[in-house]
Structure formats: C-alpha cells, structure tokens
Amino acid sequence: MNNVVLIGRLTNDPDLRYTASGVAVANFTLAINRPFKQDGEYQTDFINCVTWRKQAENLASYVKKGHQIAVNGMIQTRNYEGKDGKRVYVTEVMAESIQFLESKGQSQNNKPQQPQKNDNPFTNNGEPIEVDDDTLPF
C-alpha cells in the first residue's frame, strides 16, 4: 500500500507548466512541522509534491504561498540523467486529491470562518431533519 496524507503550508506559489501535449502539471512544496520539539524548536519537513490536469490548474489559480492545504496521494520515485551526466533521483508525493483549508492570513488573524451554505438536504443548519417512515417512498 502506498498512501500519503499531508497537511501543510505552501512554501511558494505553485509552479504551473504544460507538457508538449498540453497537459497541465503543477509542482509545489509543503512545509510541515513535526509534532515534537528539538532544542525547544519545532523541526519542519519540506515535502515536494506534483499534481496534474485540472487539479493542477485549480491549485495554481486559487492558492498562493502560505496557504494551508491537505494532500492525499502516493509517494513516487523517479530518476533521470542530469546535464552533467550524473544520475538524479527524485522522490515526491503524487497528489491525487487536494483540499484548500485556509490562507495564511486567516490563521494569523484568528478570523472566524464565514458560515457555509448548508448543501445537505437531510439537515437543517447541521441538525438532522426528522422523517416519518410512513412518508418514505420505499
């Protein structure tokens, strides 16, 4: 099984490019604090990630440096011959799904998030709607 779940902040704006055949690809790096301190300071890991197609375009359009995102994906390794003739090895996370969590400014200002529209037809402002069994069509 090869499954990775990460929550972190973008270290830079996503780097959106297109392949020769027109497929969008975005590279980005997540900064993720380790859950423990070393010498009184949290250590940070910088994880390289890549995503493709519409998700790559959405990432580049809607998030910037400092935004917090969640990534679900898998680790991939690849290698190629560098310009100097030496073999270059790359390990990165292939992001299969990405969720936008908050911008850096939201967390620093501790602003409460705006209430979201209730799109669930089975609740009323988050409270379950009581349904009588006699009214169900099945």
Protein backbone atom coordinates (compact mmCIF):
# COMPACT_ATOMS: atom_id res chain seq x y z
CA MET A 1 0.00 0.00 0.00
CA ASN A 2 1.33 3.43 -0.94
CA ASN A 3 -0.83 6.17 0.61
CA VAL A 4 0.20 9.56 2.00
CA VAL A 5 -1.91 12.19 3.78
CA LEU A 6 -0.28 15.57 4.43
CA ILE A 7 -1.43 18.90 5.85
CA GLY A 8 0.94 21.81 5.44
CA ARG A 9 1.56 25.26 4.04
CA LEU A 10 2.83 26.10 0.58
CA THR A 11 6.40 27.39 0.64
CA ASN A 12 5.92 29.22 -2.70
CA ASP A 13 3.20 29.75 -5.27
CA PRO A 14 2.53 26.53 -7.22
CA ASP A 15 4.66 26.21 -10.38
CA LEU A 16 2.16 25.53 -13.19
CA ARG A 17 3.53 24.31 -16.52
CA TYR A 18 2.19 22.42 -19.52
CA THR A 19 3.63 19.37 -21.25
CA ALA A 20 4.27 19.41 -25.02
CA SER A 21 0.86 17.75 -25.46
CA GLY A 22 -0.88 20.47 -23.40
CA VAL A 23 -1.38 18.61 -20.10
CA ALA A 24 -1.17 20.84 -17.02
CA VAL A 25 1.28 19.90 -14.26
CA ALA A 26 1.93 21.81 -11.04
CA ASN A 27 4.86 21.34 -8.70
CA PHE A 28 4.70 22.64 -5.15
CA THR A 29 6.38 22.17 -1.79
CA LEU A 30 4.62 21.78 1.55
CA ALA A 31 6.17 22.86 4.85
CA ILE A 32 5.03 20.50 7.61
CA ASN A 33 6.01 20.90 11.26
CA ARG A 34 7.00 17.75 13.10
CA PRO A 35 4.83 17.05 16.16
CA PHE A 36 7.74 17.35 18.61
CA LYS A 37 10.36 19.92 19.53
CA GLN A 38 14.12 19.53 19.28
CA ASP A 39 16.16 22.01 21.32
CA GLY A 40 12.95 23.92 22.06
CA GLU A 41 12.08 24.41 18.37
CA TYR A 42 9.75 22.56 16.05
CA GLN A 43 11.54 20.97 13.11
CA THR A 44 9.98 21.36 9.67
CA ASP A 45 9.96 18.96 6.75
CA PHE A 46 9.70 20.28 3.20
CA ILE A 47 7.84 17.78 1.00
CA ASN A 48 7.93 18.10 -2.79
CA CYS A 49 4.61 17.35 -4.47
CA VAL A 50 3.21 17.24 -8.00
CA THR A 51 -0.33 17.21 -9.37
CA TRP A 52 -1.76 17.02 -12.89
CA ARG A 53 -4.51 18.28 -15.19
CA LYS A 54 -7.46 20.33 -13.88
CA GLN A 55 -6.36 19.90 -10.28
CA ALA A 56 -3.01 21.49 -11.19
CA GLU A 57 -4.77 24.46 -12.80
CA ASN A 58 -7.12 24.88 -9.81
CA LEU A 59 -4.21 24.76 -7.39
CA ALA A 60 -2.33 27.46 -9.30
CA SER A 61 -5.48 29.62 -9.58
CA TYR A 62 -6.73 29.51 -6.00
CA VAL A 63 -3.81 29.11 -3.58
CA LYS A 64 -0.60 31.00 -3.02
CA LYS A 65 2.45 30.89 -0.79
CA GLY A 66 1.45 30.41 2.86
CA HIS A 67 -1.94 28.81 2.21
CA GLN A 68 -2.67 25.63 4.14
CA ILE A 69 -3.80 22.63 2.11
CA ALA A 70 -4.40 18.92 2.65
CA VAL A 71 -2.98 16.43 0.17
CA ASN A 72 -3.88 12.79 -0.32
CA GLY A 73 -1.65 10.87 -2.67
CA MET A 74 1.21 8.43 -3.02
CA ILE A 75 5.00 8.58 -2.94
CA GLN A 76 6.70 8.17 -6.28
CA THR A 77 10.37 7.95 -7.15
CA ARG A 78 11.96 8.59 -10.49
CA ASN A 79 15.40 9.26 -11.89
CA TYR A 80 16.94 10.86 -14.92
CA GLU A 81 20.33 11.82 -16.27
CA GLY A 82 21.28 15.38 -15.35
CA LYS A 83 23.01 17.88 -17.62
CA ASP A 84 26.33 16.93 -16.05
CA GLY A 85 25.80 13.27 -16.94
CA LYS A 86 25.13 12.17 -13.35
CA ARG A 87 22.03 10.23 -12.35
CA VAL A 88 19.49 12.41 -10.45
CA TYR A 89 16.99 10.72 -8.10
CA VAL A 90 13.72 12.40 -7.18
CA THR A 91 11.20 11.41 -4.50
CA GLU A 92 7.92 13.31 -4.42
CA VAL A 93 4.27 12.96 -3.50
CA MET A 94 1.88 12.47 -6.41
CA ALA A 95 -1.15 14.43 -5.15
CA GLU A 96 -4.32 12.63 -6.14
CA SER A 97 -6.66 14.94 -4.23
CA ILE A 98 -6.12 18.37 -2.69
CA GLN A 99 -8.31 20.32 -0.30
CA PHE A 100 -7.87 24.03 0.34
CA LEU A 101 -8.00 24.64 4.10
CA GLU A 102 -7.15 28.27 4.89
CA SER A 103 -4.96 31.13 3.87
CA LYS A 104 -2.02 32.21 5.99
CA GLY A 105 -3.80 35.44 6.88
CA GLN A 106 -6.87 33.64 8.22
CA SER A 107 -4.89 31.64 10.76
CA GLN A 108 -2.67 34.53 11.83
CA ASN A 109 -5.58 36.90 12.37
CA ASN A 110 -7.72 34.17 14.01
CA LYS A 111 -10.68 35.36 11.99
CA PRO A 112 -13.71 33.11 12.33
CA GLN A 113 -14.69 31.46 9.09
CA GLN A 114 -17.92 32.58 7.46
CA PRO A 115 -20.79 30.15 7.92
CA GLN A 116 -21.01 27.91 4.92
CA LYS A 117 -24.15 27.29 2.95
CA ASN A 118 -25.90 24.10 4.01
CA ASP A 119 -25.93 21.95 0.87
CA ASN A 120 -27.04 18.79 2.67
CA PRO A 121 -30.77 18.29 2.02
CA PHE A 122 -31.06 15.97 5.05
CA THR A 123 -30.13 18.59 7.63
CA ASN A 124 -31.39 21.98 8.71
CA ASN A 125 -28.39 24.13 9.70
CA GLY A 126 -26.49 20.99 10.68
CA GLU A 127 -29.36 19.49 12.69
CA PRO A 128 -30.87 16.26 11.31
CA ILE A 129 -34.37 16.53 9.88
CA GLU A 130 -36.79 14.06 11.40
CA VAL A 131 -38.53 11.94 8.78
CA ASP A 132 -41.61 9.84 9.39
CA ASP A 133 -41.21 6.30 7.99
CA ASP A 134 -44.73 6.49 6.51
CA THR A 135 -43.66 9.32 4.15
CA LEU A 136 -40.71 7.45 2.62
CA PRO A 137 -41.31 6.27 -0.95
CA PHE A 138 -39.65 2.89 -0.35
